[in-house]
PDB file of N, CA and C in Angstrom:
ATOM      1  N   UNK A   1       0.794  -1.282   0.144  1.00  0.00           N
ATOM      2  CA  UNK A   1       0.113  -0.582   0.165  1.00  0.00           C
ATOM      3  C   UNK A   1       0.528   1.189  -0.396  1.00  0.00           C
ATOM      4  N   UNK A   2       0.237   2.414  -0.805  1.00  0.00           N
ATOM      5  CA  UNK A   2       0.686   3.366  -0.924  1.00  0.00           C
ATOM      6  C   UNK A   2       0.819   4.515   0.168  1.00  0.00           C
ATOM      7  N   UNK A   3       1.388   5.099   0.522  1.00  0.00           N
ATOM      8  CA  UNK A   3       0.448   6.539   1.230  1.00  0.00           C
ATOM      9  C   UNK A   3      -0.042   7.415   0.052  1.00  0.00           C
ATOM     10  N   UNK A   4      -1.224   8.192   0.316  1.00  0.00           N
ATOM     11  CA  UNK A   4      -1.567   9.170  -0.022  1.00  0.00           C
ATOM     12  C   UNK A   4      -1.423  10.527  -0.361  1.00  0.00           C
ATOM     13  N   UNK A   5      -0.686  11.622  -0.655  1.00  0.00           N
ATOM     14  CA  UNK A   5      -0.222  12.506  -0.543  1.00  0.00           C
ATOM     15  C   UNK A   5      -0.840  13.452  -1.351  1.00  0.00           C
ATOM     16  N   UNK A   6      -1.289  14.662  -1.097  1.00  0.00           N
ATOM     17  CA  UNK A   6      -1.530  15.873  -1.807  1.00  0.00           C
ATOM     18  C   UNK A   6      -0.762  16.889  -1.382  1.00  0.00           C
ATOM     19  N   UNK A   7      -0.463  17.597  -3.289  1.00  0.00           N
ATOM     20  CA  UNK A   7       0.422  18.761  -2.810  1.00  0.00           C
ATOM     21  C   UNK A   7      -0.742  20.076  -2.538  1.00  0.00           C
ATOM     22  N   UNK A   8       0.018  20.823  -1.576  1.00  0.00           N
ATOM     23  CA  UNK A   8      -0.784  22.018  -0.934  1.00  0.00           C
ATOM     24  C   UNK A   8      -1.822  22.597  -2.077  1.00  0.00           C
ATOM     25  N   UNK A   9      -1.520  22.863  -3.254  1.00  0.00           N
ATOM     26  CA  UNK A   9      -1.865  23.841  -4.320  1.00  0.00           C
ATOM     27  C   UNK A   9      -3.497  22.670  -3.971  1.00  0.00           C
ATOM     28  N   UNK A  10      -2.718  20.966  -4.685  1.00  0.00           N
ATOM     29  CA  UNK A  10      -4.241  20.810  -5.418  1.00  0.00           C
ATOM     30  C   UNK A  10      -5.510  20.491  -3.720  1.00  0.00           C
ATOM     31  N   UNK A  11      -5.360  20.729  -2.780  1.00  0.00           N
ATOM     32  CA  UNK A  11      -5.962  20.626  -1.770  1.00  0.00           C
ATOM     33  C   UNK A  11      -6.513  22.081  -1.749  1.00  0.00           C
ATOM     34  N   UNK A  12      -5.738  23.235  -1.822  1.00  0.00           N
ATOM     35  CA  UNK A  12      -6.449  24.509  -2.365  1.00  0.00           C
ATOM     36  C   UNK A  12      -7.272  24.416  -3.192  1.00  0.00           C
ATOM     37  N   UNK A  13      -7.447  23.727  -4.604  1.00  0.00           N
ATOM     38  CA  UNK A  13      -8.094  24.086  -5.460  1.00  0.00           C
ATOM     39  C   UNK A  13      -8.871  22.779  -5.413  1.00  0.00           C
ATOM     40  N   UNK A  14      -9.321  21.840  -4.394  1.00  0.00           N
ATOM     41  CA  UNK A  14     -10.039  20.566  -3.661  1.00  0.00           C
ATOM     42  C   UNK A  14     -11.080  21.669  -3.473  1.00  0.00           C
ATOM     43  N   UNK A  15     -11.015  22.715  -1.890  1.00  0.00           N
ATOM     44  CA  UNK A  15     -11.345  23.733  -1.190  1.00  0.00           C
ATOM     45  C   UNK A  15     -12.058  24.712  -2.328  1.00  0.00           C
ATOM     46  N   UNK A  16     -11.417  25.108  -3.111  1.00  0.00           N
ATOM     47  CA  UNK A  16     -12.163  26.172  -3.882  1.00  0.00           C
ATOM     48  C   UNK A  16     -13.368  25.341  -4.966  1.00  0.00           C
ATOM     49  N   UNK A  17     -12.520  24.686  -5.655  1.00  0.00           N
ATOM     50  CA  UNK A  17     -14.134  23.909  -5.797  1.00  0.00           C
ATOM     51  C   UNK A  17     -15.261  23.645  -5.568  1.00  0.00           C
ATOM     52  N   UNK A  18     -14.984  23.222  -4.047  1.00  0.00           N
ATOM     53  CA  UNK A  18     -15.917  22.609  -3.355  1.00  0.00           C
ATOM     54  C   UNK A  18     -17.016  23.696  -2.908  1.00  0.00           C
ATOM     55  N   UNK A  19     -16.435  24.823  -3.291  1.00  0.00           N
ATOM     56  CA  UNK A  19     -17.057  26.298  -2.307  1.00  0.00           C
ATOM     57  C   UNK A  19     -17.626  26.572  -3.182  1.00  0.00           C
ATOM     58  N   UNK A  20     -16.852  26.874  -4.219  1.00  0.00           N
ATOM     59  CA  UNK A  20     -17.859  27.243  -5.937  1.00  0.00           C
ATOM     60  C   UNK A  20     -18.996  26.483  -6.122  1.00  0.00           C
ATOM     61  N   UNK A  21     -18.763  25.162  -5.796  1.00  0.00           N
ATOM     62  CA  UNK A  21     -20.231  24.441  -6.430  1.00  0.00           C
ATOM     63  C   UNK A  21     -21.473  24.333  -4.823  1.00  0.00           C
ATOM     64  N   UNK A  22     -20.256  24.792  -3.756  1.00  0.00           N
ATOM     65  CA  UNK A  22     -22.146  24.777  -2.901  1.00  0.00           C
ATOM     66  C   UNK A  22     -22.670  26.447  -2.868  1.00  0.00           C
ATOM     67  N   UNK A  23     -21.318  27.371  -3.207  1.00  0.00           N
ATOM     68  CA  UNK A  23     -22.420  28.489  -3.817  1.00  0.00           C
ATOM     69  C   UNK A  23     -23.441  28.172  -4.799  1.00  0.00           C
ATOM     70  N   UNK A  24     -22.737  27.612  -6.217  1.00  0.00           N
ATOM     71  CA  UNK A  24     -23.760  27.865  -6.944  1.00  0.00           C
ATOM     72  C   UNK A  24     -24.820  26.711  -7.396  1.00  0.00           C
ATOM     73  N   UNK A  25     -24.590  25.535  -6.373  1.00  0.00           N
ATOM     74  CA  UNK A  25     -25.309  24.450  -6.129  1.00  0.00           C
ATOM     75  C   UNK A  25     -25.950  23.982  -4.564  1.00  0.00           C
ATOM     76  N   UNK A  26     -25.815  24.876  -3.929  1.00  0.00           N
ATOM     77  CA  UNK A  26     -25.828  23.775  -3.104  1.00  0.00           C
ATOM     78  C   UNK A  26     -24.732  23.003  -1.747  1.00  0.00           C
ATOM     79  N   UNK A  27     -25.507  23.144  -0.837  1.00  0.00           N
ATOM     80  CA  UNK A  27     -24.355  22.488  -0.106  1.00  0.00           C
ATOM     81  C   UNK A  27     -24.401  20.724  -0.215  1.00  0.00           C
ATOM     82  N   UNK A  28     -25.481  20.389  -0.065  1.00  0.00           N
ATOM     83  CA  UNK A  28     -25.926  18.723  -0.964  1.00  0.00           C
ATOM     84  C   UNK A  28     -25.118  17.905  -1.987  1.00  0.00           C
ATOM     85  N   UNK A  29     -24.978  19.315  -3.272  1.00  0.00           N
ATOM     86  CA  UNK A  29     -24.309  18.612  -4.247  1.00  0.00           C
ATOM     87  C   UNK A  29     -23.086  19.122  -4.233  1.00  0.00           C
ATOM     88  N   UNK A  30     -22.483  19.805  -2.977  1.00  0.00           N
ATOM     89  CA  UNK A  30     -20.933  19.752  -3.197  1.00  0.00           C
ATOM     90  C   UNK A  30     -20.772  18.676  -2.175  1.00  0.00           C
ATOM     91  N   UNK A  31     -21.088  18.250  -1.193  1.00  0.00           N
ATOM     92  CA  UNK A  31     -21.177  16.860  -0.301  1.00  0.00           C
ATOM     93  C   UNK A  31     -21.144  15.705  -1.619  1.00  0.00           C
ATOM     94  N   UNK A  32     -21.903  15.719  -2.616  1.00  0.00           N
ATOM     95  CA  UNK A  32     -22.065  14.690  -3.840  1.00  0.00           C
ATOM     96  C   UNK A  32     -20.237  14.892  -4.648  1.00  0.00           C
ATOM     97  N   UNK A  33     -20.747  16.092  -4.649  1.00  0.00           N
ATOM     98  CA  UNK A  33     -18.809  16.088  -5.706  1.00  0.00           C
ATOM     99  C   UNK A  33     -17.758  15.949  -5.152  1.00  0.00           C
ATOM    100  N   UNK A  34     -17.359  16.042  -3.621  1.00  0.00           N
ATOM    101  CA  UNK A  34     -16.793  15.835  -2.773  1.00  0.00           C
ATOM    102  C   UNK A  34     -16.469  14.070  -2.721  1.00  0.00           C
ATOM    103  N   UNK A  35     -18.022  13.565  -2.442  1.00  0.00           N
ATOM    104  CA  UNK A  35     -17.429  12.301  -2.457  1.00  0.00           C
ATOM    105  C   UNK A  35     -17.158  11.265  -4.071  1.00  0.00           C
ATOM    106  N   UNK A  36     -17.544  11.869  -4.520  1.00  0.00           N
ATOM    107  CA  UNK A  36     -17.428  11.426  -6.388  1.00  0.00           C
ATOM    108  C   UNK A  36     -16.240  11.746  -6.504  1.00  0.00           C
ATOM    109  N   UNK A  37     -15.361  12.457  -5.727  1.00  0.00           N
ATOM    110  CA  UNK A  37     -13.774  12.888  -6.190  1.00  0.00           C
ATOM    111  C   UNK A  37     -13.088  11.465  -5.346  1.00  0.00           C
ATOM    112  N   UNK A  38     -13.658  11.812  -4.346  1.00  0.00           N
ATOM    113  CA  UNK A  38     -12.434  10.828  -2.968  1.00  0.00           C
ATOM    114  C   UNK A  38     -12.851   9.521  -3.543  1.00  0.00           C
ATOM    115  N   UNK A  39     -14.443   8.835  -3.882  1.00  0.00           N
ATOM    116  CA  UNK A  39     -14.317   7.721  -4.759  1.00  0.00           C
ATOM    117  C   UNK A  39     -13.125   7.252  -5.571  1.00  0.00           C
ATOM    118  N   UNK A  40     -13.138   8.221  -6.090  1.00  0.00           N
ATOM    119  CA  UNK A  40     -12.041   8.146  -7.107  1.00  0.00           C
ATOM    120  C   UNK A  40     -10.623   8.357  -7.397  1.00  0.00           C
ATOM    121  N   UNK A  41     -10.445   8.417  -5.695  1.00  0.00           N
ATOM    122  CA  UNK A  41      -9.183   9.518  -5.184  1.00  0.00           C
ATOM    123  C   UNK A  41      -8.840   8.160  -4.713  1.00  0.00           C
ATOM    124  N   UNK A  42      -9.470   7.313  -3.713  1.00  0.00           N
ATOM    125  CA  UNK A  42      -8.880   6.750  -1.936  1.00  0.00           C
ATOM    126  C   UNK A  42      -8.841   5.218  -2.821  1.00  0.00           C
ATOM    127  N   UNK A  43      -9.095   4.604  -3.271  1.00  0.00           N
ATOM    128  CA  UNK A  43      -8.474   3.796  -4.062  1.00  0.00           C
ATOM    129  C   UNK A  43      -6.950   3.637  -4.786  1.00  0.00           C
ATOM    130  N   UNK A  44      -6.619   4.822  -4.815  1.00  0.00           N
ATOM    131  CA  UNK A  44      -4.811   4.740  -5.272  1.00  0.00           C
ATOM    132  C   UNK A  44      -4.242   4.445  -4.764  1.00  0.00           C
ATOM    133  N   UNK A  45      -3.957   4.432  -3.731  1.00  0.00           N
ATOM    134  CA  UNK A  45      -2.774   3.375  -2.418  1.00  0.00           C
ATOM    135  C   UNK A  45      -2.780   2.501  -3.106  1.00  0.00           C
ATOM    136  N   UNK A  46      -3.879   1.699  -3.328  1.00  0.00           N
ATOM    137  CA  UNK A  46      -3.421   0.463  -3.839  1.00  0.00           C
ATOM    138  C   UNK A  46      -3.353  -0.346  -4.992  1.00  0.00           C
ATOM    139  N   UNK A  47      -3.996   0.478  -6.219  1.00  0.00           N
ATOM    140  CA  UNK A  47      -3.867   0.633  -7.488  1.00  0.00           C
ATOM    141  C   UNK A  47      -4.012   1.830  -8.261  1.00  0.00           C
ATOM    142  N   UNK A  48      -2.254   2.896  -7.935  1.00  0.00           N
ATOM    143  CA  UNK A  48      -1.919   3.505  -8.629  1.00  0.00           C
ATOM    144  C   UNK A  48      -2.306   3.526 -10.492  1.00  0.00           C
ATOM    145  N   UNK A  49      -2.853   2.308 -11.007  1.00  0.00           N
ATOM    146  CA  UNK A  49      -2.810   2.336 -12.568  1.00  0.00           C
ATOM    147  C   UNK A  49      -4.130   2.779 -13.068  1.00  0.00           C
ATOM    148  N   UNK A  50      -4.699   3.225 -11.632  1.00  0.00           N
ATOM    149  CA  UNK A  50      -6.303   3.562 -12.112  1.00  0.00           C
ATOM    150  C   UNK A  50      -6.561   4.333 -13.748  1.00  0.00           C
ATOM    151  N   UNK A  51      -5.350   5.595 -13.534  1.00  0.00           N
ATOM    152  CA  UNK A  51      -5.799   6.488 -13.929  1.00  0.00           C
ATOM    153  C   UNK A  51      -5.212   6.230 -15.226  1.00  0.00           C
ATOM    154  N   UNK A  52      -5.251   6.879 -16.631  1.00  0.00           N
ATOM    155  CA  UNK A  52      -4.424   7.161 -17.983  1.00  0.00           C
ATOM    156  C   UNK A  52      -3.146   7.482 -17.544  1.00  0.00           C
ATOM    157  N   UNK A  53      -2.119   6.722 -18.648  1.00  0.00           N
ATOM    158  CA  UNK A  53      -0.919   7.657 -18.504  1.00  0.00           C
ATOM    159  C   UNK A  53      -1.212   8.542 -19.204  1.00  0.00           C
ATOM    160  N   UNK A  54      -0.864   9.795 -19.184  1.00  0.00           N
ATOM    161  CA  UNK A  54      -0.530  11.007 -20.090  1.00  0.00           C
ATOM    162  C   UNK A  54       0.811  11.330 -20.366  1.00  0.00           C
ATOM    163  N   UNK A  55       1.404  10.998 -21.561  1.00  0.00           N
ATOM    164  CA  UNK A  55       3.004  11.888 -21.777  1.00  0.00           C
ATOM    165  C   UNK A  55       2.664  12.989 -22.842  1.00  0.00           C
ATOM    166  N   UNK A  56       1.926  13.647 -22.375  1.00  0.00           N
ATOM    167  CA  UNK A  56       1.528  15.177 -23.160  1.00  0.00           C
ATOM    168  C   UNK A  56       1.728  15.802 -21.744  1.00  0.00           C
ATOM    169  N   UNK A  57       1.875  15.128 -20.622  1.00  0.00           N
ATOM    170  CA  UNK A  57       1.441  16.252 -19.355  1.00  0.00           C
ATOM    171  C   UNK A  57       2.714  15.668 -18.140  1.00  0.00           C
ATOM    172  N   UNK A  58       3.858  16.661 -18.119  1.00  0.00           N
ATOM    173  CA  UNK A  58       5.004  16.467 -17.506  1.00  0.00           C
ATOM    174  C   UNK A  58       4.834  16.632 -15.702  1.00  0.00           C
ATOM    175  N   UNK A  59       5.253  16.202 -14.791  1.00  0.00           N
ATOM    176  CA  UNK A  59       5.472  16.837 -13.298  1.00  0.00           C
ATOM    177  C   UNK A  59       7.127  15.940 -13.098  1.00  0.00           C
ATOM    178  N   UNK A  60       8.132  16.752 -13.034  1.00  0.00           N
ATOM    179  CA  UNK A  60       9.460  16.553 -13.056  1.00  0.00           C
ATOM    180  C   UNK A  60      10.154  15.978 -13.213  1.00  0.00           C
ATOM    181  N   UNK A  61      10.211  16.068 -15.041  1.00  0.00           N
ATOM    182  CA  UNK A  61      10.231  15.428 -16.419  1.00  0.00           C
ATOM    183  C   UNK A  61       9.481  13.772 -16.130  1.00  0.00           C
ATOM    184  N   UNK A  62       8.765  13.642 -15.091  1.00  0.00           N
ATOM    185  CA  UNK A  62       8.052  12.130 -15.658  1.00  0.00           C
ATOM    186  C   UNK A  62       6.666  12.801 -15.712  1.00  0.00           C
ATOM    187  N   UNK A  63       6.054  11.321 -16.936  1.00  0.00           N
ATOM    188  CA  UNK A  63       5.376  11.400 -17.210  1.00  0.00           C
ATOM    189  C   UNK A  63       3.760  11.050 -16.219  1.00  0.00           C
ATOM    190  N   UNK A  64       2.381  12.061 -16.218  1.00  0.00           N
ATOM    191  CA  UNK A  64       1.336  11.317 -15.160  1.00  0.00           C
ATOM    192  C   UNK A  64       0.775  10.655 -15.656  1.00  0.00           C
ATOM    193  N   UNK A  65      -0.461  10.514 -14.712  1.00  0.00           N
ATOM    194  CA  UNK A  65      -1.445   9.689 -14.895  1.00  0.00           C
ATOM    195  C   UNK A  65      -2.960  10.237 -14.649  1.00  0.00           C
ATOM    196  N   UNK A  66      -4.204  10.570 -15.017  1.00  0.00           N
ATOM    197  CA  UNK A  66      -5.437  11.134 -14.886  1.00  0.00           C
ATOM    198  C   UNK A  66      -6.655  10.040 -14.852  1.00  0.00           C
ATOM    199  N   UNK A  67      -7.125  10.757 -13.650  1.00  0.00           N
ATOM    200  CA  UNK A  67      -8.409  10.116 -13.210  1.00  0.00           C
ATOM    201  C   UNK A  67      -9.178  11.165 -13.634  1.00  0.00           C
ATOM    202  N   UNK A  68     -10.493  10.467 -14.600  1.00  0.00           N
ATOM    203  CA  UNK A  68     -11.631  11.828 -14.945  1.00  0.00           C
ATOM    204  C   UNK A  68     -12.229  11.872 -13.823  1.00  0.00           C
ATOM    205  N   UNK A  69     -12.913  12.733 -13.510  1.00  0.00           N
ATOM    206  CA  UNK A  69     -14.259  12.856 -12.717  1.00  0.00           C
ATOM    207  C   UNK A  69     -15.635  13.683 -13.740  1.00  0.00           C
ATOM    208  N   UNK A  70     -16.484  13.903 -13.364  1.00  0.00           N
ATOM    209  CA  UNK A  70     -17.243  14.482 -14.168  1.00  0.00           C
ATOM    210  C   UNK A  70     -16.868  15.729 -14.963  1.00  0.00           C
ATOM    211  N   UNK A  71     -17.005  16.688 -14.041  1.00  0.00           N
ATOM    212  CA  UNK A  71     -16.149  17.993 -14.749  1.00  0.00           C
ATOM    213  C   UNK A  71     -14.694  18.487 -14.038  1.00  0.00           C
ATOM    214  N   UNK A  72     -14.119  17.348 -13.455  1.00  0.00           N
ATOM    215  CA  UNK A  72     -12.252  17.870 -13.118  1.00  0.00           C
ATOM    216  C   UNK A  72     -12.042  16.145 -13.256  1.00  0.00           C
ATOM    217  N   UNK A  73     -10.173  16.695 -13.722  1.00  0.00           N
ATOM    218  CA  UNK A  73      -9.268  15.751 -14.204  1.00  0.00           C
ATOM    219  C   UNK A  73      -8.501  15.682 -12.862  1.00  0.00           C
ATOM    220  N   UNK A  74      -8.384  14.746 -12.401  1.00  0.00           N
ATOM    221  CA  UNK A  74      -7.297  14.461 -11.139  1.00  0.00           C
ATOM    222  C   UNK A  74      -6.313  14.349 -11.520  1.00  0.00           C
ATOM    223  N   UNK A  75      -5.122  14.650 -11.748  1.00  0.00           N
ATOM    224  CA  UNK A  75      -3.797  14.692 -11.788  1.00  0.00           C
ATOM    225  C   UNK A  75      -3.133  13.829 -10.744  1.00  0.00           C
ATOM    226  N   UNK A  76      -2.088  13.183 -11.256  1.00  0.00           N
ATOM    227  CA  UNK A  76      -1.553  12.446 -10.100  1.00  0.00           C
ATOM    228  C   UNK A  76       0.163  12.005 -10.642  1.00  0.00           C
ATOM    229  N   UNK A  77       0.800  11.149  -9.567  1.00  0.00           N
ATOM    230  CA  UNK A  77       1.848  10.880  -9.715  1.00  0.00           C
ATOM    231  C   UNK A  77       2.047   9.628  -8.886  1.00  0.00           C
ATOM    232  N   UNK A  78       2.468   8.533  -9.104  1.00  0.00           N
ATOM    233  CA  UNK A  78       2.772   7.380  -8.124  1.00  0.00           C
ATOM    234  C   UNK A  78       3.798   6.750  -8.145  1.00  0.00           C
ATOM    235  N   UNK A  79       4.447   6.410  -7.094  1.00  0.00           N
ATOM    236  CA  UNK A  79       6.031   5.752  -6.987  1.00  0.00           C
ATOM    237  C   UNK A  79       5.788   4.344  -6.638  1.00  0.00           C
ATOM    238  N   UNK A  80       6.461   3.755  -5.869  1.00  0.00           N
ATOM    239  CA  UNK A  80       6.506   2.224  -5.566  1.00  0.00           C
ATOM    240  C   UNK A  80       6.400   2.681  -3.990  1.00  0.00           C
ATOM    241  N   UNK A  81       6.113   3.847  -3.580  1.00  0.00           N
ATOM    242  CA  UNK A  81       5.919   4.642  -2.176  1.00  0.00           C
ATOM    243  C   UNK A  81       4.930   5.335  -1.602  1.00  0.00           C
ATOM    244  N   UNK A  82       4.329   5.871  -3.194  1.00  0.00           N
ATOM    245  CA  UNK A  82       3.462   7.333  -2.612  1.00  0.00           C
ATOM    246  C   UNK A  82       2.450   7.320  -3.765  1.00  0.00           C
ATOM    247  N   UNK A  83       1.915   7.539  -3.701  1.00  0.00           N
ATOM    248  CA  UNK A  83       0.959   8.815  -5.000  1.00  0.00           C
ATOM    249  C   UNK A  83       0.415   9.888  -4.451  1.00  0.00           C
ATOM    250  N   UNK A  84       0.711  10.825  -4.969  1.00  0.00           N
ATOM    251  CA  UNK A  84       0.628  12.109  -5.159  1.00  0.00           C
ATOM    252  C   UNK A  84      -0.452  13.057  -5.684  1.00  0.00           C
ATOM    253  N   UNK A  85      -0.954  14.006  -5.646  1.00  0.00           N
ATOM    254  CA  UNK A  85      -2.072  14.415  -6.369  1.00  0.00           C
ATOM    255  C   UNK A  85      -1.996  15.790  -6.549  1.00  0.00           C
ATOM    256  N   UNK A  86      -1.221  16.167  -7.805  1.00  0.00           N
ATOM    257  CA  UNK A  86      -0.834  16.821  -8.217  1.00  0.00           C
ATOM    258  C   UNK A  86      -2.110  18.236  -8.425  1.00  0.00           C
ATOM    259  N   UNK A  87      -3.150  17.595  -9.011  1.00  0.00           N
ATOM    260  CA  UNK A  87      -3.392  18.890  -9.375  1.00  0.00           C
ATOM    261  C   UNK A  87      -4.903  18.683  -9.788  1.00  0.00           C
ATOM    262  N   UNK A  88      -6.247  19.455  -9.409  1.00  0.00           N
ATOM    263  CA  UNK A  88      -7.071  18.926  -9.938  1.00  0.00           C
ATOM    264  C   UNK A  88      -7.671  20.250 -11.068  1.00  0.00           C
ATOM    265  N   UNK A  89      -7.850  19.091 -11.856  1.00  0.00           N
ATOM    266  CA  UNK A  89      -8.091  20.207 -13.289  1.00  0.00           C
ATOM    267  C   UNK A  89     -10.033  20.433 -13.663  1.00  0.00           C
ATOM    268  N   UNK A  90      -9.954  21.850 -13.204  1.00  0.00           N
ATOM    269  CA  UNK A  90     -12.251  22.242 -14.102  1.00  0.00           C
ATOM    270  C   UNK A  90     -12.016  21.967 -15.555  1.00  0.00           C
ATOM    271  N   UNK A  91     -12.972  21.131 -15.946  1.00  0.00           N
ATOM    272  CA  UNK A  91     -12.588  19.903 -17.311  1.00  0.00           C
ATOM    273  C   UNK A  91     -13.279  21.376 -18.217  1.00  0.00           C
ATOM    274  N   UNK A  92     -13.605  22.639 -18.014  1.00  0.00           N
ATOM    275  CA  UNK A  92     -13.725  23.998 -19.027  1.00  0.00           C
ATOM    276  C   UNK A  92     -12.775  25.094 -18.821  1.00  0.00           C
ATOM    277  N   UNK A  93     -11.938  24.360 -17.692  1.00  0.00           N
ATOM    278  CA  UNK A  93     -10.538  25.462 -18.090  1.00  0.00           C
ATOM    279  C   UNK A  93      -9.908  25.195 -19.374  1.00  0.00           C
ATOM    280  N   UNK A  94      -8.890  25.821 -20.189  1.00  0.00           N
ATOM    281  CA  UNK A  94      -7.983  26.053 -21.267  1.00  0.00           C
ATOM    282  C   UNK A  94      -6.917  24.691 -20.560  1.00  0.00           C
ATOM    283  N   UNK A  95      -7.763  24.079 -21.553  1.00  0.00           N
ATOM    284  CA  UNK A  95      -6.229  22.875 -21.444  1.00  0.00           C
ATOM    285  C   UNK A  95      -4.587  23.343 -21.483  1.00  0.00           C
ATOM    286  N   UNK A  96      -4.231  24.189 -22.186  1.00  0.00           N
ATOM    287  CA  UNK A  96      -3.198  24.794 -22.526  1.00  0.00           C
ATOM    288  C   UNK A  96      -2.532  25.442 -21.165  1.00  0.00           C
ATOM    289  N   UNK A  97      -3.338  24.831 -20.072  1.00  0.00           N
ATOM    290  CA  UNK A  97      -2.231  26.051 -19.244  1.00  0.00           C
ATOM    291  C   UNK A  97      -2.328  24.513 -18.099  1.00  0.00           C
ATOM    292  N   UNK A  98      -2.579  23.428 -18.379  1.00  0.00           N
ATOM    293  CA  UNK A  98      -2.343  22.475 -17.791  1.00  0.00           C
ATOM    294  C   UNK A  98      -0.799  22.315 -17.286  1.00  0.00           C
ATOM    295  N   UNK A  99      -0.188  22.127 -18.370  1.00  0.00           N
ATOM    296  CA  UNK A  99       1.351  21.926 -18.079  1.00  0.00           C
ATOM    297  C   UNK A  99       2.201  22.685 -17.321  1.00  0.00           C
ATOM    298  N   UNK A 100       2.055  24.259 -17.580  1.00  0.00           N
ATOM    299  CA  UNK A 100       2.204  25.395 -16.773  1.00  0.00           C
ATOM    300  C   UNK A 100       1.995  25.495 -15.212  1.00  0.00           C
ATOM    301  N   UNK A 101       1.040  25.174 -14.727  1.00  0.00           N
ATOM    302  CA  UNK A 101       0.573  24.889 -14.060  1.00  0.00           C
ATOM    303  C   UNK A 101       1.560  23.442 -13.455  1.00  0.00           C
ATOM    304  N   UNK A 102       1.085  22.441 -13.423  1.00  0.00           N
ATOM    305  CA  UNK A 102       2.377  21.671 -13.052  1.00  0.00           C
ATOM    306  C   UNK A 102       3.377  21.460 -13.325  1.00  0.00           C
ATOM    307  N   UNK A 103       4.214  22.723 -13.898  1.00  0.00           N
ATOM    308  CA  UNK A 103       5.270  22.922 -14.304  1.00  0.00           C
ATOM    309  C   UNK A 103       5.766  23.900 -12.638  1.00  0.00           C
ATOM    310  N   UNK A 104       5.076  24.217 -12.390  1.00  0.00           N
ATOM    311  CA  UNK A 104       4.958  25.550 -11.315  1.00  0.00           C
ATOM    312  C   UNK A 104       5.311  24.867  -9.522  1.00  0.00           C
ATOM    313  N   UNK A 105       4.669  23.292  -9.730  1.00  0.00           N
ATOM    314  CA  UNK A 105       4.616  22.733  -8.755  1.00  0.00           C
ATOM    315  C   UNK A 105       5.495  21.666  -7.993  1.00  0.00           C
TER     316      UNK A 105
END
């Protein structure tokens, strides 16, 4: 089993996403969105290959994996001992900006 770790920036993105959903659609919807994301992320500690390897995106020179949620991409990197959540990406955003954010982390 691997350790599941979140970059601070990814935690901030989760908080901002849930706040936005809460303001637009209410607390119940925000809880459902959070539950959906956690349902996808939680198994990564034992099944790190769940996400698709994306060779067009890199973090520290290594390709990353991507899990798709309804409106969000979960970008992460896995090693033999750890899975790191790098980025939560709102699919409505310009995809061209994603690599720039990964490079800053």
